Amino acid sequence: MSMISTLKQIPLFSGLSDQELAHVEASATAKTYAKGTVIINEGDAGSSMFLVMHGKVKVYVSDASGKEYILAILGPGEYVGELALLDDEPRTASVETEDQSTFLVIQKDDFLSLLHDHPPIQRKLLLNLARRSRSLTEAVKNLALKDVYSRVRLLFEDLAVERDGQILIEEPMTQQAIADRVGSSREMVARIMKELVFGGYVRIDNRRLVILQKFPDAF
């Protein structure tokens, strides 16, 4: 797949023409990192955005005791670090590669030059960034207002894909990983998973979660 075809899959560049995407590609540098590499540290100064071309990354924050809370797992077609291109504030989260991963990296100066030299690109990117902000606000609202089961259900529904006639979550999900993603304790997640398994809603198959039927709205 060409780089332009890959860029078309990234929501940030939705609506850009092939010519405009070629300008974006010319502003970026390809970099590959090994599994387990922290490419962004929470609190550090930032000056670049990472577009995920191949692989997978974990976005997380930590408290004073070192406990991690996972904000997202991102794969090809997604991006991190975009706020660093718009302001001079420290990074708000850390990002670590879950697999060997390849990125297109855009530095702040190159990004600002891209916007300055190509006003149509500027308008489209700012609109897409606003949509991203609204999506993040909705995610925070869900975390603040919904109970733990509802957050688990939304997580599973978001991650679910269809493979060979089955609806499943391909990413191995331990109870602790689920708890980290929804902001809960492992014990609470364990109780919810027990109810889902015994209720015939999910099955664990080779460390993958198979969804057998639509989840109830509430327990």
Foldseek 3Di string as FASTA:
>chain_A
DDPLVLQCLALLQPPDDSVLVVLVLVQWDKDKDAAFDWPAAFFAWDFKKWAWQAAKKWKWAADPVGDIFTADIDHRNYMDDPVNLPDGGTHHIIMGTRHTTMTTMGGNVSVVVSCVVDVVSVVSSVVSVVVVVVVVVVVVCCLPPPDQLQLLLVVLVVQWDDDPNWTWRPDQADLVNSCSNNVHDSVVSVVSVVCCVVVVQWDQDPSIITGRDRDDNDD
